[in-house]
N, C-alpha and C. Protein backbone atom coordinates (compact mmCIF):
# COMPACT_ATOMS: atom_id res chain seq x y z
N MET A 1 -9.73 113.87 108.51
CA MET A 1 -10.54 113.16 109.54
C MET A 1 -9.37 112.70 110.43
N SER A 2 -8.37 112.07 110.03
CA SER A 2 -7.42 111.41 110.87
C SER A 2 -6.55 112.68 111.56
N THR A 3 -6.43 113.82 111.08
CA THR A 3 -5.91 114.89 111.77
C THR A 3 -6.75 115.23 112.98
N LEU A 4 -8.15 115.39 112.85
CA LEU A 4 -8.98 115.65 113.97
C LEU A 4 -8.95 114.67 114.96
N GLN A 5 -8.97 113.38 114.55
CA GLN A 5 -8.88 112.20 115.48
C GLN A 5 -7.61 112.28 116.33
N SER A 6 -6.53 112.80 115.65
CA SER A 6 -5.08 113.02 116.27
C SER A 6 -5.23 114.03 117.41
N ILE A 7 -5.90 115.23 116.95
CA ILE A 7 -5.89 116.36 117.85
C ILE A 7 -6.79 115.90 118.98
N PHE A 8 -8.01 115.24 118.87
CA PHE A 8 -8.82 114.77 119.86
C PHE A 8 -8.10 113.91 120.86
N SER A 9 -7.27 113.08 120.24
CA SER A 9 -6.45 112.00 121.09
C SER A 9 -5.46 112.66 121.91
N ASP A 10 -4.70 113.76 121.26
CA ASP A 10 -3.74 114.50 122.11
C ASP A 10 -4.46 115.17 123.17
N THR A 11 -5.46 115.79 122.94
CA THR A 11 -6.17 116.69 123.87
C THR A 11 -6.71 115.86 125.08
N THR A 12 -7.37 114.74 124.66
CA THR A 12 -7.91 113.86 125.77
C THR A 12 -6.67 113.26 126.70
N HIS A 13 -5.52 112.91 125.99
CA HIS A 13 -4.39 112.39 126.84
C HIS A 13 -3.89 113.40 127.66
N LEU A 14 -3.96 114.77 127.29
CA LEU A 14 -3.43 115.81 128.09
C LEU A 14 -4.08 115.89 129.26
N PHE A 15 -5.45 115.75 129.45
CA PHE A 15 -6.29 115.95 130.74
C PHE A 15 -6.71 114.66 131.35
N TYR A 16 -6.59 113.52 130.61
CA TYR A 16 -6.71 112.21 131.14
C TYR A 16 -5.66 111.21 130.70
N PRO A 17 -4.46 111.41 131.23
CA PRO A 17 -3.27 110.72 130.74
C PRO A 17 -3.44 109.14 131.08
N HIS A 18 -2.98 108.34 130.20
CA HIS A 18 -2.96 106.83 130.42
C HIS A 18 -1.56 106.60 130.85
N ILE A 19 -1.35 106.11 132.06
CA ILE A 19 -0.09 105.96 132.56
C ILE A 19 0.46 104.52 132.89
N CYS A 20 1.64 104.39 132.70
CA CYS A 20 2.21 102.94 132.99
C CYS A 20 2.03 102.41 134.39
N THR A 21 1.50 101.31 134.55
CA THR A 21 1.25 100.70 135.85
C THR A 21 2.58 100.61 136.73
N GLY A 22 3.67 100.40 136.06
CA GLY A 22 4.89 100.17 136.69
C GLY A 22 5.60 101.46 137.05
N CYS A 23 5.80 102.31 136.24
CA CYS A 23 6.77 103.62 136.54
C CYS A 23 5.94 104.83 136.24
N GLY A 24 4.73 104.89 136.07
CA GLY A 24 3.94 106.14 135.95
C GLY A 24 4.13 106.96 134.68
N SER A 25 4.84 106.54 133.87
CA SER A 25 5.09 107.24 132.48
C SER A 25 3.84 107.26 131.79
N ASP A 26 3.50 108.39 130.93
CA ASP A 26 2.32 108.52 130.20
C ASP A 26 2.74 108.42 128.84
N LEU A 27 3.77 107.78 128.44
CA LEU A 27 4.10 107.82 127.14
C LEU A 27 3.87 106.35 126.64
N LEU A 28 2.53 106.05 126.52
CA LEU A 28 1.97 104.71 125.99
C LEU A 28 0.61 104.85 125.58
N SER A 29 0.22 103.99 124.65
CA SER A 29 -1.28 104.00 124.11
C SER A 29 -2.21 103.55 125.10
N GLU A 30 -3.52 103.72 124.81
CA GLU A 30 -4.59 103.20 125.80
C GLU A 30 -4.58 101.88 126.02
N ASP A 31 -4.13 100.97 125.01
CA ASP A 31 -4.30 99.53 125.14
C ASP A 31 -3.18 98.95 125.85
N GLN A 32 -2.18 99.80 126.29
CA GLN A 32 -1.07 99.27 127.08
C GLN A 32 -1.05 99.46 128.51
N LEU A 33 -0.67 98.51 129.29
CA LEU A 33 -0.60 98.64 130.78
C LEU A 33 0.79 99.06 131.09
N LEU A 34 1.79 98.56 130.55
CA LEU A 34 3.20 98.79 130.96
C LEU A 34 3.93 99.39 129.65
N CYS A 35 4.99 100.37 129.98
CA CYS A 35 5.74 100.84 128.86
C CYS A 35 6.81 99.73 128.54
N LEU A 36 7.37 100.01 127.27
CA LEU A 36 8.32 99.04 126.95
C LEU A 36 9.56 98.99 127.91
N LEU A 37 9.97 100.04 128.66
CA LEU A 37 11.05 99.94 129.49
C LEU A 37 10.74 98.95 130.71
N CYS A 38 9.54 99.11 131.18
CA CYS A 38 9.11 98.26 132.18
C CYS A 38 8.91 96.64 131.80
N ILE A 39 8.30 96.52 130.65
CA ILE A 39 8.26 95.32 130.00
C ILE A 39 9.67 94.51 129.84
N ASN A 40 10.58 95.37 129.46
CA ASN A 40 11.89 94.80 129.40
C ASN A 40 12.57 94.63 130.62
N GLN A 41 12.08 95.14 131.68
CA GLN A 41 12.73 94.92 133.19
C GLN A 41 11.94 93.79 133.87
N LEU A 42 11.09 93.25 133.30
CA LEU A 42 10.41 92.13 134.02
C LEU A 42 11.28 90.95 134.27
N PRO A 43 11.54 90.51 135.49
CA PRO A 43 12.44 89.44 135.71
C PRO A 43 11.99 88.04 135.59
N HIS A 44 11.91 87.60 134.16
CA HIS A 44 11.43 86.23 133.96
C HIS A 44 12.43 85.09 134.48
N THR A 45 11.83 84.15 134.91
CA THR A 45 12.81 83.05 135.43
C THR A 45 12.99 81.93 134.34
N ASN A 46 12.26 81.85 133.34
CA ASN A 46 12.49 80.75 132.51
C ASN A 46 12.40 79.32 133.03
N PHE A 47 11.66 79.13 134.23
CA PHE A 47 11.50 77.93 134.87
C PHE A 47 10.88 76.89 133.98
N ALA A 48 9.88 77.45 133.18
CA ALA A 48 8.82 76.47 132.43
C ALA A 48 9.87 75.50 131.65
N GLN A 49 10.84 75.92 131.14
CA GLN A 49 11.69 74.99 130.22
C GLN A 49 12.45 73.92 130.79
N HIS A 50 12.56 74.10 132.36
CA HIS A 50 13.65 73.35 132.90
C HIS A 50 13.03 72.44 133.98
N ALA A 51 13.25 71.10 133.87
CA ALA A 51 13.06 70.16 134.97
C ALA A 51 13.89 70.39 136.18
N ASN A 52 13.29 70.06 137.38
CA ASN A 52 14.23 70.23 138.71
C ASN A 52 14.65 71.78 138.87
N ASN A 53 13.71 72.63 138.41
CA ASN A 53 14.02 74.28 138.78
C ASN A 53 13.89 74.44 140.14
N PRO A 54 14.31 75.56 140.59
CA PRO A 54 14.17 76.00 142.06
C PRO A 54 12.72 75.85 142.61
N LEU A 55 11.62 76.19 142.00
CA LEU A 55 10.36 75.99 142.57
C LEU A 55 10.14 74.45 142.70
N GLU A 56 10.45 73.72 141.78
CA GLU A 56 10.08 72.20 141.83
C GLU A 56 10.84 71.63 143.11
N LYS A 57 12.10 72.07 143.34
CA LYS A 57 12.81 71.53 144.30
C LYS A 57 12.27 71.95 145.78
N ILE A 58 11.67 73.06 145.84
CA ILE A 58 10.93 73.40 147.05
C ILE A 58 9.85 72.19 147.50
N PHE A 59 9.29 71.71 146.42
CA PHE A 59 8.08 70.60 146.77
C PHE A 59 8.64 69.10 146.82
N TRP A 60 9.89 68.92 146.62
CA TRP A 60 10.54 67.61 146.64
C TRP A 60 10.23 67.00 147.93
N GLY A 61 9.57 65.78 147.80
CA GLY A 61 9.20 65.12 149.07
C GLY A 61 8.20 65.68 149.79
N ARG A 62 7.35 66.50 149.26
CA ARG A 62 6.14 67.23 150.00
C ARG A 62 4.90 66.76 149.40
N ILE A 63 4.91 67.03 148.05
CA ILE A 63 3.73 66.74 147.37
C ILE A 63 4.15 66.30 145.94
N PRO A 64 3.36 65.28 145.26
CA PRO A 64 3.83 64.76 143.93
C PRO A 64 3.42 65.79 142.85
N LEU A 65 4.48 66.35 142.04
CA LEU A 65 4.13 67.30 141.07
C LEU A 65 4.76 66.75 139.75
N LEU A 66 4.00 67.10 138.72
CA LEU A 66 4.51 66.76 137.33
C LEU A 66 5.41 67.83 137.05
N ALA A 67 5.10 69.05 137.19
CA ALA A 67 6.02 70.25 136.78
C ALA A 67 5.61 71.32 137.79
N ALA A 68 6.41 72.38 137.75
CA ALA A 68 6.15 73.55 138.59
C ALA A 68 6.88 74.77 137.78
N HIS A 69 6.10 76.00 137.92
CA HIS A 69 6.83 77.10 137.19
C HIS A 69 6.44 78.38 137.94
N SER A 70 7.45 79.28 138.12
CA SER A 70 7.13 80.69 138.49
C SER A 70 7.70 81.54 137.31
N GLU A 71 6.85 82.49 137.05
CA GLU A 71 6.98 83.31 135.92
C GLU A 71 8.11 84.45 136.06
N PHE A 72 8.17 84.93 137.34
CA PHE A 72 9.04 85.94 137.69
C PHE A 72 9.65 85.77 139.04
N TYR A 73 10.85 86.47 139.09
CA TYR A 73 11.46 86.51 140.47
C TYR A 73 10.79 87.61 141.33
N PHE A 74 10.45 87.42 142.50
CA PHE A 74 9.92 88.46 143.37
C PHE A 74 10.86 88.79 144.40
N ALA A 75 11.16 90.30 144.53
CA ALA A 75 11.98 90.90 145.68
C ALA A 75 11.31 92.12 145.99
N LYS A 76 11.57 92.58 147.26
CA LYS A 76 11.02 93.79 147.78
C LYS A 76 11.52 95.01 147.00
N GLU A 77 10.69 96.03 146.88
CA GLU A 77 10.95 97.26 146.21
C GLU A 77 11.54 97.00 144.76
N THR A 78 10.73 96.22 144.10
CA THR A 78 11.08 95.99 142.63
C THR A 78 9.71 96.14 141.95
N LEU A 79 9.82 96.17 140.77
CA LEU A 79 8.76 96.27 139.64
C LEU A 79 7.51 95.22 140.08
N ILE A 80 8.09 93.96 140.06
CA ILE A 80 7.00 93.04 140.35
C ILE A 80 6.18 93.10 141.69
N GLN A 81 6.95 93.47 142.70
CA GLN A 81 6.36 93.71 143.87
C GLN A 81 5.21 94.92 143.64
N GLU A 82 5.65 95.98 143.05
CA GLU A 82 4.70 97.07 142.74
C GLU A 82 3.33 96.56 141.91
N LEU A 83 3.65 95.60 140.96
CA LEU A 83 2.60 95.23 140.07
C LEU A 83 1.58 94.35 140.83
N ILE A 84 2.23 93.34 141.73
CA ILE A 84 1.31 92.51 142.52
C ILE A 84 0.47 93.28 143.54
N HIS A 85 1.17 94.25 144.14
CA HIS A 85 0.56 95.15 145.04
C HIS A 85 -0.65 95.89 144.39
N GLN A 86 -0.33 96.32 143.29
CA GLN A 86 -1.55 96.95 142.40
C GLN A 86 -2.71 95.98 142.24
N LEU A 87 -2.44 94.66 141.87
CA LEU A 87 -3.34 93.72 141.81
C LEU A 87 -4.11 93.40 143.15
N LYS A 88 -3.46 93.16 144.24
CA LYS A 88 -4.04 92.63 145.41
C LYS A 88 -4.83 93.72 146.17
N TYR A 89 -4.02 94.93 146.27
CA TYR A 89 -4.74 95.97 147.12
C TYR A 89 -5.06 97.09 146.55
N LYS A 90 -4.80 97.44 145.25
CA LYS A 90 -5.36 98.49 144.53
C LYS A 90 -6.46 98.13 143.63
N GLY A 91 -6.92 96.80 143.59
CA GLY A 91 -7.90 96.38 142.77
C GLY A 91 -7.66 96.61 141.24
N ASN A 92 -6.25 96.61 140.77
CA ASN A 92 -6.06 96.64 139.41
C ASN A 92 -5.92 95.05 138.77
N GLN A 93 -7.15 94.65 138.41
CA GLN A 93 -7.31 93.34 137.89
C GLN A 93 -6.69 93.12 136.62
N ALA A 94 -6.86 94.47 135.74
CA ALA A 94 -6.18 94.32 134.39
C ALA A 94 -4.73 93.90 134.47
N ILE A 95 -4.00 94.43 135.48
CA ILE A 95 -2.45 93.84 135.30
C ILE A 95 -2.37 92.46 135.68
N GLY A 96 -3.10 91.80 136.62
CA GLY A 96 -3.16 90.45 136.93
C GLY A 96 -3.50 89.55 135.77
N TYR A 97 -4.49 90.13 134.95
CA TYR A 97 -4.91 89.35 133.76
C TYR A 97 -3.73 89.38 132.81
N PHE A 98 -3.08 90.64 132.60
CA PHE A 98 -2.00 90.76 131.68
C PHE A 98 -0.73 89.92 132.01
N LEU A 99 -0.36 89.83 133.33
CA LEU A 99 0.74 89.07 133.84
C LEU A 99 0.24 87.49 133.51
N GLY A 100 -0.92 87.16 133.75
CA GLY A 100 -1.38 85.85 133.52
C GLY A 100 -1.14 85.44 132.12
N GLU A 101 -1.42 86.36 131.23
CA GLU A 101 -1.29 86.05 129.72
C GLU A 101 0.22 85.81 129.38
N LEU A 102 1.12 86.58 130.08
CA LEU A 102 2.49 86.48 129.81
C LEU A 102 2.94 85.04 130.40
N MET A 103 2.46 84.72 131.38
CA MET A 103 2.81 83.35 131.98
C MET A 103 2.24 82.23 131.09
N GLY A 104 0.99 82.59 130.50
CA GLY A 104 0.27 81.63 129.58
C GLY A 104 1.29 81.32 128.42
N LYS A 105 2.05 82.36 127.86
CA LYS A 105 2.80 82.31 126.71
C LYS A 105 3.87 81.35 127.06
N SER A 106 4.56 81.62 128.19
CA SER A 106 5.68 80.74 128.72
C SER A 106 5.29 79.23 128.85
N LEU A 107 4.19 79.04 129.38
CA LEU A 107 3.87 77.67 129.63
C LEU A 107 3.50 77.04 128.18
N LEU A 108 2.99 77.73 127.10
CA LEU A 108 2.74 77.33 126.05
C LEU A 108 4.05 76.87 125.02
N ASN A 109 5.09 77.64 125.44
CA ASN A 109 6.36 77.39 124.80
C ASN A 109 7.17 76.44 125.36
N SER A 110 6.49 75.76 126.32
CA SER A 110 7.08 74.60 127.14
C SER A 110 6.45 73.22 126.81
N ASN A 111 7.20 72.18 126.70
CA ASN A 111 6.77 70.93 126.65
C ASN A 111 6.30 70.23 127.81
N ARG A 112 6.46 70.99 128.89
CA ARG A 112 6.23 70.22 130.31
C ARG A 112 4.68 70.66 130.77
N PHE A 113 3.84 71.45 130.30
CA PHE A 113 2.56 71.76 130.58
C PHE A 113 1.52 71.52 129.70
N LYS A 114 1.66 70.45 128.92
CA LYS A 114 0.70 70.10 127.91
C LYS A 114 -0.62 69.33 128.40
N ASN A 115 -1.64 69.39 127.60
CA ASN A 115 -2.89 68.67 127.86
C ASN A 115 -3.41 68.87 129.22
N LEU A 116 -3.46 70.25 129.65
CA LEU A 116 -4.07 70.49 130.95
C LEU A 116 -5.66 70.46 130.69
N ASP A 117 -6.29 69.88 131.76
CA ASP A 117 -7.73 69.94 131.81
C ASP A 117 -8.42 71.09 132.43
N TYR A 118 -7.71 71.44 133.49
CA TYR A 118 -8.19 72.76 134.39
C TYR A 118 -7.13 73.52 135.00
N LEU A 119 -7.51 74.77 134.96
CA LEU A 119 -6.62 75.66 135.90
C LEU A 119 -7.50 75.95 137.16
N ILE A 120 -6.66 75.67 138.37
CA ILE A 120 -7.46 75.86 139.64
C ILE A 120 -6.87 77.16 140.41
N PRO A 121 -7.52 77.99 140.63
CA PRO A 121 -6.86 79.14 141.49
C PRO A 121 -6.79 78.78 142.73
N LEU A 122 -5.66 79.03 143.57
CA LEU A 122 -5.55 78.80 144.91
C LEU A 122 -6.83 79.57 145.55
N PRO A 123 -7.68 78.91 146.53
CA PRO A 123 -8.70 79.65 146.95
C PRO A 123 -8.46 80.63 148.11
N LEU A 124 -9.11 81.71 148.16
CA LEU A 124 -9.07 82.46 149.32
C LEU A 124 -10.18 82.09 150.26
N TYR A 125 -10.04 82.45 151.68
CA TYR A 125 -11.22 82.28 152.66
C TYR A 125 -12.40 83.20 152.17
N PRO A 126 -13.60 82.70 152.14
CA PRO A 126 -14.61 83.42 151.46
C PRO A 126 -14.82 84.91 152.11
N GLU A 127 -14.68 85.07 153.32
CA GLU A 127 -14.85 86.48 153.82
C GLU A 127 -13.85 87.33 153.40
N LYS A 128 -12.44 86.80 153.21
CA LYS A 128 -11.35 87.55 152.68
C LYS A 128 -11.50 88.03 151.26
N GLU A 129 -12.09 87.07 150.51
CA GLU A 129 -12.35 87.32 149.21
C GLU A 129 -13.53 88.37 148.96
N ARG A 130 -14.57 88.24 149.79
CA ARG A 130 -15.61 89.30 149.77
C ARG A 130 -15.03 90.58 150.08
N LYS A 131 -14.21 90.69 151.10
CA LYS A 131 -13.66 92.11 151.22
C LYS A 131 -12.78 92.77 150.33
N ARG A 132 -11.87 91.85 149.70
CA ARG A 132 -11.10 92.35 148.44
C ARG A 132 -11.81 92.45 147.28
N GLY A 133 -13.03 91.74 147.05
CA GLY A 133 -13.75 91.80 146.00
C GLY A 133 -13.47 90.78 144.84
N PHE A 134 -12.54 90.04 144.85
CA PHE A 134 -11.96 89.10 144.02
C PHE A 134 -10.92 88.33 144.55
N ASN A 135 -10.46 87.20 143.94
CA ASN A 135 -9.35 86.39 144.28
C ASN A 135 -8.23 86.63 143.24
N GLN A 136 -7.15 87.20 143.58
CA GLN A 136 -6.26 87.46 142.68
C GLN A 136 -5.58 86.20 141.91
N ALA A 137 -5.77 85.20 142.46
CA ALA A 137 -5.41 83.88 141.79
C ALA A 137 -6.35 83.58 140.54
N THR A 138 -7.64 83.79 140.83
CA THR A 138 -8.62 83.58 139.72
C THR A 138 -8.21 84.62 138.47
N ILE A 139 -7.94 85.88 138.87
CA ILE A 139 -7.69 86.87 137.87
C ILE A 139 -6.43 86.42 137.03
N ILE A 140 -5.44 85.87 137.68
CA ILE A 140 -4.25 85.37 137.01
C ILE A 140 -4.76 84.24 136.11
N CYS A 141 -5.52 83.18 136.73
CA CYS A 141 -6.01 82.06 135.85
C CYS A 141 -6.93 82.72 134.66
N ASN A 142 -7.48 83.56 134.80
CA ASN A 142 -8.20 84.17 133.65
C ASN A 142 -7.45 84.59 132.38
N GLY A 143 -6.30 85.25 132.80
CA GLY A 143 -5.34 85.60 131.78
C GLY A 143 -4.61 84.34 131.30
N LEU A 144 -4.36 83.33 132.08
CA LEU A 144 -3.80 82.09 131.63
C LEU A 144 -4.71 81.44 130.71
N SER A 145 -6.07 81.34 131.00
CA SER A 145 -7.09 80.57 130.28
C SER A 145 -7.25 81.37 128.82
N ALA A 146 -7.11 82.73 128.92
CA ALA A 146 -7.35 83.27 127.65
C ALA A 146 -6.15 82.97 126.69
N ARG A 147 -4.95 82.84 127.00
CA ARG A 147 -3.87 82.48 126.22
C ARG A 147 -3.67 80.92 125.91
N MET A 148 -4.17 80.08 126.86
CA MET A 148 -3.94 78.87 126.86
C MET A 148 -5.13 77.91 126.31
N ASN A 149 -6.21 78.49 126.34
CA ASN A 149 -7.53 77.89 126.01
C ASN A 149 -7.86 76.70 127.00
N VAL A 150 -7.58 76.73 128.24
CA VAL A 150 -7.86 75.87 129.32
C VAL A 150 -8.87 76.40 130.37
N PRO A 151 -9.88 75.63 130.64
CA PRO A 151 -10.89 76.18 131.48
C PRO A 151 -10.44 76.36 132.90
N VAL A 152 -10.97 77.45 133.52
CA VAL A 152 -10.75 77.77 134.90
C VAL A 152 -11.86 76.95 135.73
N LEU A 153 -11.45 76.13 136.70
CA LEU A 153 -12.45 75.45 137.66
C LEU A 153 -12.41 76.21 139.01
N LYS A 154 -13.46 76.98 139.04
CA LYS A 154 -13.49 77.65 140.52
C LYS A 154 -14.46 77.11 141.38
N ASP A 155 -14.35 77.17 142.71
CA ASP A 155 -15.36 76.99 143.78
C ASP A 155 -15.61 75.34 144.09
N ASN A 156 -14.69 74.55 143.30
CA ASN A 156 -14.68 73.11 143.68
C ASN A 156 -13.69 72.82 144.84
N VAL A 157 -12.54 73.51 144.73
CA VAL A 157 -11.65 73.54 145.79
C VAL A 157 -11.78 74.81 146.73
N ILE A 158 -12.00 74.63 147.84
CA ILE A 158 -12.33 75.83 148.79
C ILE A 158 -11.44 75.84 149.84
N ARG A 159 -11.36 77.10 150.57
CA ARG A 159 -10.67 77.09 151.79
C ARG A 159 -11.80 77.32 152.81
N GLN A 160 -11.72 76.28 153.94
CA GLN A 160 -12.77 76.15 154.64
C GLN A 160 -12.65 76.73 155.98
N ARG A 161 -11.49 77.21 156.22
CA ARG A 161 -11.23 77.87 157.54
C ARG A 161 -10.47 79.12 157.40
N PHE A 162 -10.40 80.19 158.26
CA PHE A 162 -9.49 81.23 158.08
C PHE A 162 -8.35 80.92 158.60
N THR A 163 -7.27 81.56 158.01
CA THR A 163 -5.85 81.47 158.51
C THR A 163 -5.17 82.78 158.63
N GLU A 164 -4.28 82.85 159.57
CA GLU A 164 -3.60 84.20 159.78
C GLU A 164 -2.79 84.35 158.62
N THR A 165 -2.25 85.55 158.48
CA THR A 165 -1.11 85.91 157.49
C THR A 165 0.17 85.03 157.61
N GLN A 166 0.72 84.66 156.62
CA GLN A 166 1.73 83.65 156.60
C GLN A 166 3.18 84.74 156.69
N THR A 167 3.08 85.96 156.52
CA THR A 167 4.27 86.92 156.26
C THR A 167 5.40 86.62 157.19
N LYS A 168 5.02 86.64 158.54
CA LYS A 168 5.96 86.60 159.45
C LYS A 168 6.25 85.28 160.28
N LYS A 169 5.72 84.36 159.66
CA LYS A 169 5.86 82.87 160.13
C LYS A 169 6.99 82.21 159.52
N HIS A 170 7.60 81.15 160.47
CA HIS A 170 8.60 80.38 159.93
C HIS A 170 7.93 79.38 159.20
N ARG A 171 8.72 78.47 158.56
CA ARG A 171 8.29 77.33 157.63
C ARG A 171 7.40 76.39 158.44
N ARG A 172 7.73 75.91 159.50
CA ARG A 172 6.87 75.03 160.17
C ARG A 172 5.52 75.59 160.67
N GLU A 173 5.55 76.86 161.18
CA GLU A 173 4.53 77.61 161.59
C GLU A 173 3.58 77.85 160.23
N ARG A 174 4.19 78.11 159.30
CA ARG A 174 3.39 78.28 158.05
C ARG A 174 2.51 77.18 157.59
N TRP A 175 3.19 76.02 157.61
CA TRP A 175 2.53 74.59 157.37
C TRP A 175 1.37 74.40 158.50
N GLU A 176 1.76 74.52 159.77
CA GLU A 176 0.75 74.31 160.75
C GLU A 176 -0.52 75.21 160.62
N ASN A 177 -0.18 76.48 160.18
CA ASN A 177 -1.25 77.54 160.00
C ASN A 177 -2.32 77.13 158.98
N VAL A 178 -1.80 76.51 157.90
CA VAL A 178 -2.68 76.08 156.73
C VAL A 178 -3.10 74.65 156.60
N ALA A 179 -2.51 73.87 157.48
CA ALA A 179 -2.92 72.35 157.37
C ALA A 179 -4.60 72.14 157.57
N ASP A 180 -5.00 71.36 157.00
CA ASP A 180 -6.44 71.03 156.70
C ASP A 180 -7.33 72.26 156.40
N SER A 181 -6.76 73.15 155.86
CA SER A 181 -7.61 74.38 155.41
C SER A 181 -8.47 74.26 154.28
N PHE A 182 -8.20 73.23 153.48
CA PHE A 182 -8.75 73.12 152.16
C PHE A 182 -9.57 71.87 152.08
N LEU A 183 -10.58 72.02 151.17
CA LEU A 183 -11.57 70.99 150.94
C LEU A 183 -11.98 70.83 149.38
N VAL A 184 -11.93 69.70 148.98
CA VAL A 184 -12.57 69.36 147.67
C VAL A 184 -13.97 69.07 147.73
N LYS A 185 -14.90 69.80 147.19
CA LYS A 185 -16.22 69.76 147.18
C LYS A 185 -16.67 68.40 146.53
N ASP A 186 -16.24 68.13 145.18
CA ASP A 186 -16.70 67.18 144.39
C ASP A 186 -15.40 66.56 143.72
N PRO A 187 -15.00 65.53 144.40
CA PRO A 187 -13.65 64.85 143.92
C PRO A 187 -13.82 64.34 142.41
N SER A 188 -14.97 63.88 142.14
CA SER A 188 -15.22 63.37 140.79
C SER A 188 -14.86 64.34 139.62
N LEU A 189 -14.97 65.55 139.90
CA LEU A 189 -14.63 66.44 138.71
C LEU A 189 -13.26 66.42 138.54
N LEU A 190 -12.38 65.94 139.45
CA LEU A 190 -10.85 66.06 139.30
C LEU A 190 -10.26 64.68 138.94
N ASN A 191 -10.99 63.57 139.12
CA ASN A 191 -10.53 62.18 138.82
C ASN A 191 -10.02 62.19 137.39
N ASP A 192 -8.84 61.69 137.24
CA ASP A 192 -8.15 61.35 136.00
C ASP A 192 -7.89 62.63 135.30
N LYS A 193 -7.75 63.92 135.91
CA LYS A 193 -7.62 65.10 135.15
C LYS A 193 -6.22 65.59 135.46
N ASN A 194 -5.64 66.35 134.39
CA ASN A 194 -4.43 67.03 134.55
C ASN A 194 -4.70 68.47 135.02
N ILE A 195 -4.32 68.86 136.02
CA ILE A 195 -4.75 70.15 136.53
C ILE A 195 -3.47 70.95 136.88
N LEU A 196 -3.64 72.17 136.83
CA LEU A 196 -2.63 73.23 137.18
C LEU A 196 -3.07 74.23 138.23
N LEU A 197 -2.45 74.07 139.50
CA LEU A 197 -2.92 74.89 140.70
C LEU A 197 -2.15 76.25 140.61
N VAL A 198 -2.84 77.33 140.64
CA VAL A 198 -2.30 78.58 140.40
C VAL A 198 -2.34 79.64 141.55
N ASP A 199 -1.10 80.39 141.90
CA ASP A 199 -1.23 81.40 142.87
C ASP A 199 -0.50 82.66 142.39
N ASP A 200 -0.26 83.56 143.39
CA ASP A 200 0.41 84.85 142.84
C ASP A 200 1.80 84.73 143.26
N VAL A 201 2.16 84.54 144.63
CA VAL A 201 3.47 84.60 144.98
C VAL A 201 3.71 83.12 145.95
N VAL A 202 4.99 82.51 145.63
CA VAL A 202 5.17 81.49 146.50
C VAL A 202 6.54 82.01 147.30
N THR A 203 6.56 81.55 148.59
CA THR A 203 7.65 81.84 149.38
C THR A 203 8.23 80.33 149.96
N THR A 204 7.62 79.82 150.84
CA THR A 204 8.09 78.48 151.37
C THR A 204 7.30 77.32 150.71
N GLY A 205 6.05 77.94 150.14
CA GLY A 205 5.36 76.86 149.41
C GLY A 205 4.38 76.00 150.33
N ALA A 206 4.31 76.58 151.47
CA ALA A 206 3.33 75.81 152.52
C ALA A 206 1.92 75.88 152.22
N THR A 207 1.43 77.07 151.59
CA THR A 207 -0.03 77.05 151.40
C THR A 207 -0.45 76.31 150.18
N LEU A 208 0.42 76.31 149.15
CA LEU A 208 0.36 75.53 147.81
C LEU A 208 0.52 73.87 148.28
N GLU A 209 1.45 73.59 149.17
CA GLU A 209 1.48 72.30 149.53
C GLU A 209 0.18 71.65 150.16
N ALA A 210 -0.36 72.64 151.25
CA ALA A 210 -1.37 72.10 151.78
C ALA A 210 -2.60 71.89 150.88
N CYS A 211 -2.90 72.80 149.89
CA CYS A 211 -3.90 72.62 148.88
C CYS A 211 -3.67 71.56 148.02
N GLY A 212 -2.40 71.41 147.56
CA GLY A 212 -2.18 70.19 146.55
C GLY A 212 -2.24 68.91 147.39
N HIS A 213 -1.77 69.05 148.66
CA HIS A 213 -1.90 67.58 149.42
C HIS A 213 -3.37 67.16 149.44
N THR A 214 -4.24 68.18 149.77
CA THR A 214 -5.75 68.03 149.64
C THR A 214 -6.24 67.40 148.45
N ILE A 215 -5.91 68.20 147.45
CA ILE A 215 -6.37 67.77 146.11
C ILE A 215 -5.81 66.15 145.81
N ALA A 216 -4.57 66.05 146.05
CA ALA A 216 -3.98 64.68 145.82
C ALA A 216 -4.68 63.54 146.63
N GLN A 217 -5.03 63.81 147.89
CA GLN A 217 -5.73 62.97 148.70
C GLN A 217 -7.04 62.69 148.34
N SER A 218 -7.87 63.65 147.46
CA SER A 218 -9.09 63.51 147.35
C SER A 218 -9.60 62.75 145.98
N ALA A 219 -8.63 62.91 144.94
CA ALA A 219 -8.78 62.40 143.63
C ALA A 219 -7.43 62.11 143.02
N ILE A 220 -7.79 61.11 141.86
CA ILE A 220 -6.47 60.57 141.20
C ILE A 220 -6.26 61.70 140.14
N VAL A 221 -5.22 62.60 140.38
CA VAL A 221 -4.84 63.60 139.63
C VAL A 221 -3.43 63.62 138.97
N THR A 222 -3.16 64.42 138.03
CA THR A 222 -1.80 64.79 137.64
C THR A 222 -1.84 66.06 138.10
N LEU A 223 -0.90 66.72 138.80
CA LEU A 223 -0.82 67.93 139.47
C LEU A 223 0.41 68.67 139.13
N SER A 224 0.22 69.98 138.65
CA SER A 224 1.31 70.91 138.42
C SER A 224 0.99 72.31 139.11
N VAL A 225 2.06 72.98 139.38
CA VAL A 225 1.80 74.29 139.97
C VAL A 225 2.51 75.25 139.27
N ALA A 226 1.91 76.56 139.22
CA ALA A 226 2.35 77.66 138.59
C ALA A 226 1.85 78.93 139.41
N THR A 227 3.09 79.59 139.64
CA THR A 227 2.79 80.88 140.39
C THR A 227 3.36 82.04 139.53
N LEU A 228 2.72 83.35 139.71
CA LEU A 228 3.10 84.44 138.99
C LEU A 228 4.57 84.87 139.35
N SER A 229 5.08 84.54 140.61
CA SER A 229 6.22 84.91 141.07
C SER A 229 6.93 84.20 142.21
N MET A 230 8.11 84.03 142.37
CA MET A 230 8.75 83.25 143.49
C MET A 230 9.74 84.17 144.25
N ALA A 231 9.48 84.20 145.61
CA ALA A 231 10.29 85.10 146.39
C ALA A 231 11.65 84.72 146.46
N THR A 232 12.68 85.78 146.27
CA THR A 232 14.06 85.50 146.42
C THR A 232 14.46 86.05 147.75
N LYS A 233 15.50 85.36 148.15
CA LYS A 233 16.10 85.71 149.65
C LYS A 233 17.01 87.04 149.35
């Protein structure tokens, strides 16, 4: 019986190959998203273990944070850029969930992200989320939640106005673009809570700062930040 199953599996793989999301190799089983080569190439930062890490320094003097972490370094034409592109623009939610689980493992191995009450995905403007079909930060949160057993709180923190893309803006222009963009619908849900604000990529931190500022002004919270990746110069 096992021989027949093996033949069937090999035949199915021949006509419907299951390929690595990163490099396109088909040398992996159906329950894998990345091959071992790509997994070993992921550029982990290890920020979760260290206070005053480069991400935390971005927010010094801007918003009060207990801790901050980015799981990977982000650079153009790299594996991480391809994986995040797959998530945001190709609808590959499975890779976002998987990477969220990897980040959850790092946070669990740190003593700096304990006793979280909620994971809050950085909200998209509703029209943009409808066009994309999902919020990539929510997908990452779902992977985090599965690994950390912390609930995801959606739709309480919202983006109340459309903002232009931040890609080609300077730091001050980025802040002005997102200022007053966010709203907490029910601050009582956040009072006295330890929350983790989550996004996919951080560059200058302007959007996370604007959202974190709104949260901190709306409720008495302990605030931390986690992003899947941090852009490098």
